Amino acid sequence: MKNILRPQSTNGYDIESNIPQNIQSGATKSIEGRRLLKQQALKLVKCLCKEISSLSCMEAKGIYNDAMMLAASLGIHEVVEEIIETHPTIIYHQTSVSGQYLFHVAVENRSEHVYNLIYQMSDHKHFYSDFTDLNGNSLLHLAAKLAPSHKLNEISGAALQMQREIQWYKEVEKFVHPHSRECLNNDGESPKMVFTEEHKILKKEGEKWMKGTATSCTIAAALIATVMFGAAITVPGGNDNSNGFPMFSESSAFIIFAISDAVSLFTSATSLLMFLAILTSRYAEEDFLYALPKRLIIGLGTLFLSISSMMVAFSATVYLVFARKEAWVLIPGGVLACLPVASFVLLQFPLFLDLVYSTYGPGIFGKQSNRPFY
């Protein structure tokens, strides 16, 4: 059964096979082909589990052990689900030479699907809450260790990687018994001490990534605020010498310009303050969970609004100046005004979505299967 599990790529894993050629013949390298291959591999796993179901639990453990441990470490919850369905008591057996159980392997390797699967088994999950392995590491000690590199590489940016690590630690901290939060392992280290030591380098990289992003955006926000403040003073068309009011004050395009200029000025100023708050942050571990991502989300969002409003104000100015005599200028001017907005969306919107989803999304922890377990 262990041969059915094989790494899919350097960034993640899936169910594939070293199974007979007739099973692979219909599969292609396309997404649909890989989905079909996964379904066929699962069918093979079910057939193997059905054949092994007649054996005793100890005999089955000898067959399942390596496959269970590999599936849990790679996050292939389908295999774990099938094995537990066939032999529910196998989760009480140690699966590694260090004395770890299935739940511990899932936590140490950040296999959220396997973690969720076992966690929803309300009759079994608390069996692991106070258990320590041969090194004296509790479940929280394992959550405090740095995730495997292939799991970290699934997340963009060191700051978001640090956030995910803290989310894992907080999730397991809520699950374990309160006394496990301060217990020491064989090296005399508490879970918090392990977390701080293991994530020292990642924390520095996250700080560097945050400051680099904030510095670049601060320059853009400051330039926009400067330009839009100047545009508010020197309005297009100038002022009427007789009464001092703007020449185009009665035009609807001028109203659009005024509103857009004000929105761009205020949002760029807000964005500037958010990025300055990131640069002056103390960068404690807890800040990577909500404080820093929230500031970056607000900063990027307001920076996008300021750029968009600035382009609207520019387009309104072009219309006021050239609409009557040089109307052909409006088309290329409007098209070119879209380029900065489109560039920002293409370059920064994926990061913005990752930040929002990671900070305010449903999260990686939740119900994994609708199948009943006993």
Protein backbone atom coordinates (compact mmCIF):
# COMPACT_ATOMS: atom_id res chain seq x y z
CA MET A 1 0.00 0.00 0.00
CA LYS A 2 2.89 2.33 0.70
CA ASN A 3 3.85 2.23 -3.00
CA ILE A 4 0.56 3.88 -3.94
CA LEU A 5 1.71 7.09 -2.22
CA ARG A 6 4.24 9.19 -4.08
CA PRO A 7 5.21 12.89 -4.03
CA GLN A 8 3.37 14.90 -6.65
CA SER A 9 5.72 17.90 -6.66
CA THR A 10 8.05 19.87 -4.46
CA ASN A 11 5.18 22.04 -3.27
CA GLY A 12 2.63 19.43 -2.32
CA TYR A 13 1.55 15.83 -2.48
CA ASP A 14 -1.25 13.75 -3.81
CA ILE A 15 -2.32 10.19 -4.39
CA GLU A 16 -0.60 8.67 -7.36
CA SER A 17 0.49 5.17 -8.14
CA ASN A 18 3.05 2.64 -8.97
CA ILE A 19 0.07 0.51 -9.88
CA PRO A 20 -0.55 -1.70 -12.93
CA GLN A 21 -0.24 -0.16 -16.38
CA ASN A 22 -3.88 -0.80 -17.27
CA ILE A 23 -4.94 1.61 -14.51
CA GLN A 24 -2.62 4.33 -15.81
CA SER A 25 -3.41 3.89 -19.50
CA GLY A 26 -6.41 6.24 -19.51
CA ALA A 27 -4.70 8.96 -17.49
CA THR A 28 -3.04 11.96 -19.11
CA LYS A 29 -0.96 14.82 -17.79
CA SER A 30 -3.97 17.10 -17.83
CA ILE A 31 -5.89 18.07 -14.70
CA GLU A 32 -8.72 15.74 -15.68
CA GLY A 33 -6.25 12.91 -16.18
CA ARG A 34 -4.71 13.45 -12.75
CA ARG A 35 -8.16 13.53 -11.18
CA LEU A 36 -8.98 10.22 -12.84
CA LEU A 37 -5.69 8.76 -11.68
CA LYS A 38 -6.44 9.83 -8.12
CA GLN A 39 -9.89 8.22 -8.25
CA GLN A 40 -8.40 4.98 -9.56
CA ALA A 41 -5.75 4.96 -6.86
CA LEU A 42 -8.46 5.43 -4.22
CA LYS A 43 -10.38 2.50 -5.63
CA LEU A 44 -7.25 0.39 -5.29
CA VAL A 45 -6.82 1.54 -1.68
CA LYS A 46 -10.42 0.57 -0.94
CA CYS A 47 -9.87 -2.87 -2.46
CA LEU A 48 -6.75 -3.41 -0.38
CA CYS A 49 -8.51 -2.27 2.80
CA LYS A 50 -11.38 -4.65 2.07
CA GLU A 51 -8.95 -7.56 1.70
CA ILE A 52 -7.13 -6.65 4.92
CA SER A 53 -10.35 -6.15 6.91
CA SER A 54 -10.54 -9.88 7.73
CA LEU A 55 -7.18 -9.75 9.54
CA SER A 56 -6.72 -9.04 13.22
CA CYS A 57 -5.86 -5.51 14.34
CA MET A 58 -2.20 -6.35 15.05
CA GLU A 59 -1.79 -8.05 11.69
CA ALA A 60 -3.44 -5.12 9.96
CA LYS A 61 -1.18 -2.68 11.84
CA GLY A 62 1.88 -4.38 10.40
CA ILE A 63 0.53 -3.78 6.90
CA TYR A 64 -0.98 -0.35 7.46
CA ASN A 65 1.69 1.26 9.64
CA ASP A 66 4.07 2.62 6.99
CA ALA A 67 1.22 3.64 4.69
CA MET A 68 -0.62 5.43 7.53
CA MET A 69 2.48 7.33 8.60
CA LEU A 70 3.35 8.34 5.04
CA ALA A 71 -0.24 9.37 4.25
CA ALA A 72 -0.46 11.43 7.44
CA SER A 73 2.88 13.16 6.78
CA LEU A 74 1.92 13.99 3.18
CA GLY A 75 -1.61 15.09 4.07
CA ILE A 76 -3.37 12.39 2.01
CA HIS A 77 -6.46 12.19 4.17
CA GLU A 78 -8.36 9.90 1.80
CA VAL A 79 -6.03 6.99 2.56
CA VAL A 80 -6.18 7.66 6.30
CA GLU A 81 -9.98 7.84 6.11
CA GLU A 82 -10.24 4.48 4.36
CA ILE A 83 -7.91 2.75 6.81
CA ILE A 84 -9.70 4.15 9.88
CA GLU A 85 -13.04 3.14 8.37
CA THR A 86 -11.76 -0.45 8.08
CA HIS A 87 -9.90 -0.61 11.43
CA PRO A 88 -11.02 2.25 13.72
CA THR A 89 -8.85 1.11 16.64
CA ILE A 90 -5.67 1.48 14.64
CA ILE A 91 -5.47 5.15 15.60
CA TYR A 92 -4.59 4.01 19.16
CA HIS A 93 -1.37 2.42 17.92
CA GLN A 94 1.94 4.26 17.71
CA THR A 95 2.95 4.80 14.11
CA SER A 96 6.57 6.01 14.38
CA VAL A 97 9.79 4.97 16.10
CA SER A 98 9.68 8.14 18.22
CA GLY A 99 6.50 6.94 19.85
CA GLN A 100 4.15 9.27 18.03
CA TYR A 101 0.56 8.58 17.11
CA LEU A 102 -1.23 9.46 13.90
CA PHE A 103 -2.45 12.80 15.27
CA HIS A 104 1.09 13.83 16.23
CA VAL A 105 2.45 12.98 12.79
CA ALA A 106 -0.29 15.12 11.21
CA VAL A 107 0.49 18.09 13.46
CA GLU A 108 4.27 17.90 13.05
CA ASN A 109 3.95 17.73 9.25
CA ARG A 110 1.16 20.37 9.11
CA SER A 111 -1.28 17.97 7.42
CA GLU A 112 -4.44 19.95 8.11
CA HIS A 113 -6.76 17.52 6.30
CA VAL A 114 -5.64 14.58 8.43
CA TYR A 115 -5.77 16.76 11.55
CA ASN A 116 -9.33 17.81 10.76
CA LEU A 117 -10.34 14.23 10.04
CA ILE A 118 -9.16 12.92 13.40
CA TYR A 119 -10.33 16.02 15.28
CA GLN A 120 -13.92 15.49 14.13
CA MET A 121 -13.83 12.00 15.64
CA SER A 122 -15.09 13.24 19.01
CA ASP A 123 -14.74 9.81 20.64
CA HIS A 124 -11.01 9.62 19.91
CA LYS A 125 -9.43 13.07 19.67
CA HIS A 126 -8.94 13.66 23.42
CA PHE A 127 -6.90 10.47 23.61
CA TYR A 128 -3.97 12.49 22.22
CA SER A 129 -4.30 15.72 24.21
CA ASP A 130 -1.98 14.77 27.10
CA PHE A 131 0.27 12.26 25.36
CA THR A 132 4.02 12.87 24.96
CA ASP A 133 6.43 11.04 22.66
CA LEU A 134 9.75 9.44 23.62
CA ASN A 135 11.43 12.86 23.58
CA GLY A 136 8.89 14.29 26.01
CA ASN A 137 7.27 16.41 23.31
CA SER A 138 3.57 17.06 23.75
CA LEU A 139 1.22 17.80 20.88
CA LEU A 140 1.87 21.51 21.45
CA HIS A 141 5.64 20.99 21.27
CA LEU A 142 5.19 19.42 17.83
CA ALA A 143 2.99 22.33 16.72
CA ALA A 144 5.73 24.70 17.93
CA LYS A 145 8.30 23.17 15.60
CA LEU A 146 8.96 24.71 12.21
CA ALA A 147 6.84 23.22 9.43
CA PRO A 148 8.50 21.15 6.69
CA SER A 149 9.88 23.26 3.85
CA HIS A 150 7.42 21.90 1.26
CA LYS A 151 4.50 23.05 3.43
CA LEU A 152 5.98 26.51 3.95
CA ASN A 153 6.59 26.89 0.22
CA GLU A 154 2.87 26.48 -0.43
CA ILE A 155 2.36 29.94 1.12
CA SER A 156 3.62 33.13 -0.52
CA GLY A 157 5.78 35.44 1.58
CA ALA A 158 7.60 34.86 4.85
CA ALA A 159 5.08 36.96 6.79
CA LEU A 160 2.15 34.80 5.69
CA GLN A 161 4.21 31.69 6.44
CA MET A 162 4.76 33.00 9.96
CA GLN A 163 1.06 33.74 10.27
CA ARG A 164 0.17 30.17 9.27
CA GLU A 165 2.60 28.77 11.83
CA ILE A 166 1.01 30.88 14.57
CA GLN A 167 -2.46 29.75 13.45
CA TRP A 168 -1.36 26.12 13.82
CA TYR A 169 0.10 26.79 17.27
CA LYS A 170 -3.04 28.60 18.46
CA GLU A 171 -5.30 25.85 17.11
CA VAL A 172 -3.43 23.08 18.91
CA GLU A 173 -3.11 25.25 22.05
CA LYS A 174 -6.91 25.41 22.26
CA PHE A 175 -7.12 21.63 21.94
CA VAL A 176 -4.57 20.43 24.51
CA HIS A 177 -5.06 20.40 28.28
CA PRO A 178 -4.05 23.72 29.93
CA HIS A 179 -1.17 22.11 31.85
CA SER A 180 0.37 20.95 28.53
CA ARG A 181 0.96 24.59 27.57
CA GLU A 182 3.71 24.91 30.18
CA CYS A 183 5.05 21.35 30.37
CA LEU A 184 8.72 20.79 29.55
CA ASN A 185 10.18 18.20 27.18
CA ASN A 186 13.35 16.17 27.79
CA ASP A 187 15.45 19.21 26.80
CA GLY A 188 13.75 21.34 29.45
CA GLU A 189 11.91 23.48 26.90
CA SER A 190 8.29 24.62 27.01
CA PRO A 191 6.22 24.76 23.79
CA LYS A 192 6.57 28.54 23.68
CA MET A 193 10.35 28.29 23.99
CA VAL A 194 10.44 25.75 21.15
CA PHE A 195 8.28 27.99 18.95
CA THR A 196 10.47 31.04 19.53
CA GLU A 197 13.69 29.15 18.83
CA GLU A 198 12.42 27.25 15.79
CA HIS A 199 10.87 30.33 14.14
CA LYS A 200 13.66 32.80 14.86
CA ILE A 201 14.88 32.90 11.25
CA LEU A 202 11.39 32.86 9.73
CA LYS A 203 10.39 35.76 11.99
CA LYS A 204 13.35 37.82 10.75
CA GLU A 205 12.53 36.99 7.14
CA GLY A 206 8.89 37.95 7.75
CA GLU A 207 9.97 41.28 9.24
CA LYS A 208 12.25 41.95 6.26
CA TRP A 209 9.46 41.03 3.81
CA MET A 210 6.95 43.26 5.57
CA LYS A 211 9.31 46.23 5.74
CA GLY A 212 10.33 45.84 2.10
CA THR A 213 6.71 45.76 0.95
CA ALA A 214 5.73 48.68 3.20
CA THR A 215 8.70 50.80 2.09
CA SER A 216 7.89 50.40 -1.61
CA CYS A 217 4.22 51.21 -1.09
CA THR A 218 5.04 54.16 1.19
CA ILE A 219 6.91 55.87 -1.64
CA ALA A 220 3.96 55.40 -4.01
CA ALA A 221 1.42 56.64 -1.45
CA ALA A 222 3.54 59.72 -0.62
CA LEU A 223 3.90 60.65 -4.29
CA ILE A 224 0.16 60.33 -4.89
CA ALA A 225 -0.67 62.42 -1.81
CA THR A 226 1.75 65.13 -2.96
CA VAL A 227 0.39 65.22 -6.51
CA MET A 228 -3.26 65.23 -5.48
CA PHE A 229 -2.73 67.97 -2.88
CA GLY A 230 -1.16 70.13 -5.58
CA ALA A 231 -3.99 69.33 -8.00
CA ALA A 232 -6.55 70.46 -5.41
CA ILE A 233 -4.90 73.90 -5.24
CA THR A 234 -4.25 74.41 -8.96
CA VAL A 235 -7.59 73.30 -10.41
CA PRO A 236 -7.87 72.69 -14.18
CA GLY A 237 -8.75 75.81 -16.17
CA GLY A 238 -7.70 78.17 -13.39
CA ASN A 239 -9.94 80.60 -11.50
CA ASP A 240 -12.23 83.39 -12.67
CA ASN A 241 -10.51 86.70 -11.97
CA SER A 242 -13.80 88.42 -11.21
CA ASN A 243 -14.99 86.19 -8.39
CA GLY A 244 -12.15 83.73 -7.73
CA PHE A 245 -14.24 80.62 -8.44
CA PRO A 246 -12.88 77.86 -10.73
CA MET A 247 -13.65 78.40 -14.40
CA PHE A 248 -15.27 74.95 -14.81
CA SER A 249 -17.10 74.89 -11.47
CA GLU A 250 -20.48 74.47 -13.19
CA SER A 251 -19.36 71.43 -15.20
CA SER A 252 -20.24 67.93 -14.03
CA ALA A 253 -16.74 66.80 -15.05
CA PHE A 254 -15.28 69.32 -12.61
CA ILE A 255 -17.39 67.87 -9.79
CA ILE A 256 -16.09 64.41 -10.69
CA PHE A 257 -12.56 65.81 -10.62
CA ALA A 258 -13.04 67.43 -7.22
CA ILE A 259 -14.54 64.30 -5.64
CA SER A 260 -11.90 62.01 -7.17
CA ASP A 261 -9.10 64.31 -6.08
CA ALA A 262 -10.38 64.37 -2.50
CA VAL A 263 -10.84 60.59 -2.39
CA SER A 264 -7.36 60.01 -3.80
CA LEU A 265 -5.77 62.45 -1.35
CA PHE A 266 -7.47 61.01 1.73
CA THR A 267 -6.99 57.35 0.79
CA SER A 268 -3.31 57.88 -0.07
CA ALA A 269 -2.79 59.60 3.27
CA THR A 270 -4.51 56.69 5.05
CA SER A 271 -2.39 54.22 3.09
CA LEU A 272 0.75 56.15 4.01
CA LEU A 273 -0.13 55.99 7.71
CA MET A 274 -0.77 52.24 7.53
CA PHE A 275 2.58 51.54 5.90
CA LEU A 276 4.34 53.78 8.40
CA ALA A 277 2.64 51.79 11.18
CA ILE A 278 4.08 48.61 9.65
CA LEU A 279 7.57 50.10 9.47
CA THR A 280 7.46 51.22 13.12
CA SER A 281 5.88 48.02 14.48
CA ARG A 282 7.66 46.10 17.25
CA TYR A 283 7.39 42.85 15.20
CA ALA A 284 6.49 40.54 18.06
CA GLU A 285 5.42 37.01 17.16
CA GLU A 286 1.77 37.78 17.92
CA ASP A 287 1.81 40.76 15.53
CA PHE A 288 2.10 38.42 12.54
CA LEU A 289 -1.26 36.84 13.36
CA TYR A 290 -3.59 39.85 12.89
CA ALA A 291 -1.97 43.25 13.50
CA LEU A 292 0.56 43.32 10.65
CA PRO A 293 -1.62 41.56 8.02
CA LYS A 294 -4.54 43.86 8.87
CA ARG A 295 -2.42 46.97 8.39
CA LEU A 296 -1.08 45.65 5.10
CA ILE A 297 -4.60 44.83 3.89
CA ILE A 298 -5.83 48.35 4.71
CA GLY A 299 -2.71 49.89 3.19
CA LEU A 300 -2.96 47.99 -0.09
CA GLY A 301 -6.73 48.55 -0.32
CA THR A 302 -6.50 52.30 0.22
CA LEU A 303 -3.51 52.54 -2.12
CA PHE A 304 -5.57 50.89 -4.85
CA LEU A 305 -8.42 53.34 -4.23
CA SER A 306 -6.03 56.29 -4.35
CA ILE A 307 -4.52 55.16 -7.68
CA SER A 308 -7.97 54.55 -9.18
CA SER A 309 -9.28 57.91 -7.97
CA MET A 310 -6.20 59.68 -9.27
CA MET A 311 -6.77 58.20 -12.74
CA VAL A 312 -10.43 59.28 -12.63
CA ALA A 313 -9.34 62.80 -11.68
CA PHE A 314 -6.81 62.79 -14.53
CA SER A 315 -9.47 61.64 -17.02
CA ALA A 316 -11.86 64.34 -15.83
CA THR A 317 -9.11 66.95 -16.28
CA VAL A 318 -8.39 65.75 -19.82
CA TYR A 319 -12.08 66.00 -20.62
CA LEU A 320 -12.36 69.54 -19.24
CA VAL A 321 -9.34 70.77 -21.18
CA PHE A 322 -9.69 68.97 -24.53
CA ALA A 323 -13.37 68.00 -24.91
CA ARG A 324 -14.35 71.04 -26.96
CA LYS A 325 -11.46 71.36 -29.42
CA GLU A 326 -9.38 68.16 -29.30
CA ALA A 327 -11.94 65.46 -28.56
CA TRP A 328 -9.77 62.72 -30.11
CA VAL A 329 -7.38 63.05 -27.15
CA LEU A 330 -10.02 61.62 -24.82
CA ILE A 331 -9.81 58.06 -26.15
CA PRO A 332 -6.04 57.47 -25.83
CA GLY A 333 -6.02 59.45 -22.58
CA GLY A 334 -8.74 57.25 -21.07
CA VAL A 335 -7.05 54.04 -22.25
CA LEU A 336 -3.67 55.05 -20.84
CA ALA A 337 -5.32 56.04 -17.54
CA CYS A 338 -6.37 52.40 -17.11
CA LEU A 339 -2.80 51.07 -17.31
CA PRO A 340 -1.68 51.99 -13.75
CA VAL A 341 -4.87 50.51 -12.28
CA ALA A 342 -4.56 47.33 -14.34
CA SER A 343 -0.86 47.01 -13.44
CA PHE A 344 -1.59 47.33 -9.74
CA VAL A 345 -4.34 44.70 -9.95
CA LEU A 346 -2.10 42.25 -11.81
CA LEU A 347 0.89 42.75 -9.51
CA GLN A 348 -0.65 43.26 -6.06
CA PHE A 349 -4.17 41.84 -6.13
CA PRO A 350 -3.04 38.18 -5.70
CA LEU A 351 -1.14 39.21 -2.56
CA PHE A 352 -4.14 41.19 -1.34
CA LEU A 353 -6.44 38.18 -1.79
CA ASP A 354 -3.96 35.89 0.00
CA LEU A 355 -3.81 38.31 2.92
CA VAL A 356 -7.59 38.64 3.22
CA TYR A 357 -8.21 34.89 2.89
CA SER A 358 -5.46 33.94 5.33
CA THR A 359 -6.50 36.54 7.93
CA TYR A 360 -10.29 36.67 7.65
CA GLY A 361 -11.16 33.57 5.59
CA PRO A 362 -12.68 30.31 6.81
CA GLY A 363 -9.23 28.98 7.73
CA ILE A 364 -7.70 25.56 7.24
CA PHE A 365 -9.34 23.92 10.25
CA GLY A 366 -12.82 22.46 10.01
CA LYS A 367 -14.89 19.38 9.26
CA GLN A 368 -13.13 17.10 6.81
CA SER A 369 -15.57 14.24 6.17
CA ASN A 370 -19.27 13.45 6.48
CA ARG A 371 -18.62 9.78 7.15
CA PRO A 372 -19.37 8.51 10.66
CA PHE A 373 -16.49 6.99 12.65
CA TYR A 374 -16.70 4.81 15.70
